Amino acid sequence: MPIGKVTPKEIREQILNRIKDDHIPVSQASREFGISDNTIYGWISGKASSSPGLLEVNVLKRKIESLYLLIGQLTAQLSEEKKKNSHNVYGK
């Protein structure tokens, strides 16, 4: 995109959503949309500096809770496997 052109908000959101949701690199989005990497990074940092909304915070909290639950389950499974293996080694 030429220097000094304002990118419409809809296009900006589309680019940022592709990067966030589709996990495409900024460099790829830059090539696809013809916008410089620095411009896109500026948009990303501008979004990052704004406060997250209550909905986003709650979604992240739920994700964190589910990850803690998963970690607990995996830790318990690992502990059980270690107990089984130690009985096999020392129980002979």
C-alpha atoms as a PDB file:
ATOM      1  CA  MET A   1       0.000   0.000   0.000  1.00  0.00           C
ATOM      2  CA  PRO A   2       1.420   3.461  -0.803  1.00  0.00           C
ATOM      3  CA  ILE A   3       2.858   5.600   1.974  1.00  0.00           C
ATOM      4  CA  GLY A   4       0.347   7.861   3.686  1.00  0.00           C
ATOM      5  CA  LYS A   5      -2.718   5.818   2.771  1.00  0.00           C
ATOM      6  CA  VAL A   6      -5.132   5.061   5.576  1.00  0.00           C
ATOM      7  CA  THR A   7      -6.114   1.421   5.730  1.00  0.00           C
ATOM      8  CA  PRO A   8      -9.836   0.964   6.353  1.00  0.00           C
ATOM      9  CA  LYS A   9     -10.668  -0.418   9.783  1.00  0.00           C
ATOM     10  CA  GLU A  10     -12.333  -3.499   8.254  1.00  0.00           C
ATOM     11  CA  ILE A  11      -9.153  -4.408   6.352  1.00  0.00           C
ATOM     12  CA  ARG A  12      -7.030  -3.798   9.448  1.00  0.00           C
ATOM     13  CA  GLU A  13      -9.268  -6.084  11.511  1.00  0.00           C
ATOM     14  CA  GLN A  14      -9.200  -8.729   8.770  1.00  0.00           C
ATOM     15  CA  ILE A  15      -5.389  -8.704   8.724  1.00  0.00           C
ATOM     16  CA  LEU A  16      -5.102  -8.833  12.514  1.00  0.00           C
ATOM     17  CA  ASN A  17      -7.652 -11.645  12.700  1.00  0.00           C
ATOM     18  CA  ARG A  18      -5.742 -13.669  10.102  1.00  0.00           C
ATOM     19  CA  ILE A  19      -2.562 -13.261  12.128  1.00  0.00           C
ATOM     20  CA  LYS A  20      -4.280 -14.100  15.413  1.00  0.00           C
ATOM     21  CA  ASP A  21      -6.746 -16.802  14.350  1.00  0.00           C
ATOM     22  CA  ASP A  22      -4.988 -18.400  11.372  1.00  0.00           C
ATOM     23  CA  HIS A  23      -1.528 -17.980  12.938  1.00  0.00           C
ATOM     24  CA  ILE A  24       0.000 -16.564   9.776  1.00  0.00           C
ATOM     25  CA  PRO A  25       3.274 -14.645  10.154  1.00  0.00           C
ATOM     26  CA  VAL A  26       3.211 -10.870   9.915  1.00  0.00           C
ATOM     27  CA  SER A  27       5.551 -11.109   6.936  1.00  0.00           C
ATOM     28  CA  GLN A  28       3.031 -13.254   5.050  1.00  0.00           C
ATOM     29  CA  ALA A  29       0.149 -10.899   5.861  1.00  0.00           C
ATOM     30  CA  SER A  30       2.334  -8.016   4.764  1.00  0.00           C
ATOM     31  CA  ARG A  31       2.954  -9.617   1.371  1.00  0.00           C
ATOM     32  CA  GLU A  32      -0.660 -10.707   0.903  1.00  0.00           C
ATOM     33  CA  PHE A  33      -2.144  -7.313   1.683  1.00  0.00           C
ATOM     34  CA  GLY A  34       0.673  -5.106   0.412  1.00  0.00           C
ATOM     35  CA  ILE A  35       1.187  -3.395   3.764  1.00  0.00           C
ATOM     36  CA  SER A  36       4.541  -2.988   5.464  1.00  0.00           C
ATOM     37  CA  ASP A  37       5.529  -5.211   8.380  1.00  0.00           C
ATOM     38  CA  ASN A  38       6.116  -2.131  10.522  1.00  0.00           C
ATOM     39  CA  THR A  39       2.581  -0.889   9.919  1.00  0.00           C
ATOM     40  CA  ILE A  40       1.113  -4.221  10.977  1.00  0.00           C
ATOM     41  CA  TYR A  41       3.371  -4.420  14.037  1.00  0.00           C
ATOM     42  CA  GLY A  42       2.192  -0.909  14.920  1.00  0.00           C
ATOM     43  CA  TRP A  43      -1.417  -2.080  14.791  1.00  0.00           C
ATOM     44  CA  ILE A  44      -0.574  -5.098  16.937  1.00  0.00           C
ATOM     45  CA  SER A  45       1.195  -3.011  19.568  1.00  0.00           C
ATOM     46  CA  GLY A  46      -1.689  -0.531  19.519  1.00  0.00           C
ATOM     47  CA  LYS A  47      -4.131  -3.344  20.205  1.00  0.00           C
ATOM     48  CA  ALA A  48      -1.895  -4.805  22.880  1.00  0.00           C
ATOM     49  CA  SER A  49      -1.726  -1.528  24.783  1.00  0.00           C
ATOM     50  CA  SER A  50      -5.498  -1.242  25.067  1.00  0.00           C
ATOM     51  CA  SER A  51      -7.082  -2.855  28.097  1.00  0.00           C
ATOM     52  CA  PRO A  52      -8.733  -6.203  27.506  1.00  0.00           C
ATOM     53  CA  GLY A  53     -12.473  -6.292  27.875  1.00  0.00           C
ATOM     54  CA  LEU A  54     -14.220  -8.096  30.707  1.00  0.00           C
ATOM     55  CA  LEU A  55     -15.365 -10.845  28.357  1.00  0.00           C
ATOM     56  CA  GLU A  56     -11.813 -11.465  27.138  1.00  0.00           C
ATOM     57  CA  VAL A  57     -10.500 -11.555  30.705  1.00  0.00           C
ATOM     58  CA  ASN A  58     -13.142 -14.099  31.721  1.00  0.00           C
ATOM     59  CA  VAL A  59     -12.428 -16.285  28.693  1.00  0.00           C
ATOM     60  CA  LEU A  60      -8.721 -16.264  29.527  1.00  0.00           C
ATOM     61  CA  LYS A  61      -9.429 -17.097  33.167  1.00  0.00           C
ATOM     62  CA  ARG A  62     -11.499 -20.106  32.103  1.00  0.00           C
ATOM     63  CA  LYS A  63      -8.724 -21.242  29.772  1.00  0.00           C
ATOM     64  CA  ILE A  64      -6.175 -20.938  32.564  1.00  0.00           C
ATOM     65  CA  GLU A  65      -8.398 -22.936  34.923  1.00  0.00           C
ATOM     66  CA  SER A  66      -8.807 -25.699  32.353  1.00  0.00           C
ATOM     67  CA  LEU A  67      -5.050 -25.781  31.782  1.00  0.00           C
ATOM     68  CA  TYR A  68      -4.430 -26.084  35.540  1.00  0.00           C
ATOM     69  CA  LEU A  69      -6.915 -28.954  35.637  1.00  0.00           C
ATOM     70  CA  LEU A  70      -5.137 -30.659  32.742  1.00  0.00           C
ATOM     71  CA  ILE A  71      -1.751 -30.192  34.418  1.00  0.00           C
ATOM     72  CA  GLY A  72      -3.146 -31.749  37.595  1.00  0.00           C
ATOM     73  CA  GLN A  73      -4.513 -34.736  35.703  1.00  0.00           C
ATOM     74  CA  LEU A  74      -1.260 -35.277  33.837  1.00  0.00           C
ATOM     75  CA  THR A  75       0.747 -34.967  37.053  1.00  0.00           C
ATOM     76  CA  ALA A  76      -1.458 -37.581  38.722  1.00  0.00           C
ATOM     77  CA  GLN A  77      -1.060 -39.938  35.748  1.00  0.00           C
ATOM     78  CA  LEU A  78       2.700 -39.482  35.772  1.00  0.00           C
ATOM     79  CA  SER A  79       2.813 -40.176  39.493  1.00  0.00           C
ATOM     80  CA  GLU A  80       0.806 -43.384  39.033  1.00  0.00           C
ATOM     81  CA  GLU A  81       3.113 -44.511  36.210  1.00  0.00           C
ATOM     82  CA  LYS A  82       6.170 -43.879  38.390  1.00  0.00           C
ATOM     83  CA  LYS A  83       4.621 -45.917  41.220  1.00  0.00           C
ATOM     84  CA  LYS A  84       3.850 -48.796  38.845  1.00  0.00           C
ATOM     85  CA  ASN A  85       7.354 -48.732  37.412  1.00  0.00           C
ATOM     86  CA  SER A  86       9.022 -48.588  40.826  1.00  0.00           C
ATOM     87  CA  HIS A  87       6.980 -51.612  41.970  1.00  0.00           C
ATOM     88  CA  ASN A  88       8.050 -53.504  38.849  1.00  0.00           C
ATOM     89  CA  VAL A  89      11.718 -52.679  39.380  1.00  0.00           C
ATOM     90  CA  TYR A  90      11.878 -53.245  43.157  1.00  0.00           C
ATOM     91  CA  GLY A  91       9.168 -55.893  43.402  1.00  0.00           C
ATOM     92  CA  LYS A  92      11.144 -58.569  41.523  1.00  0.00           C
END
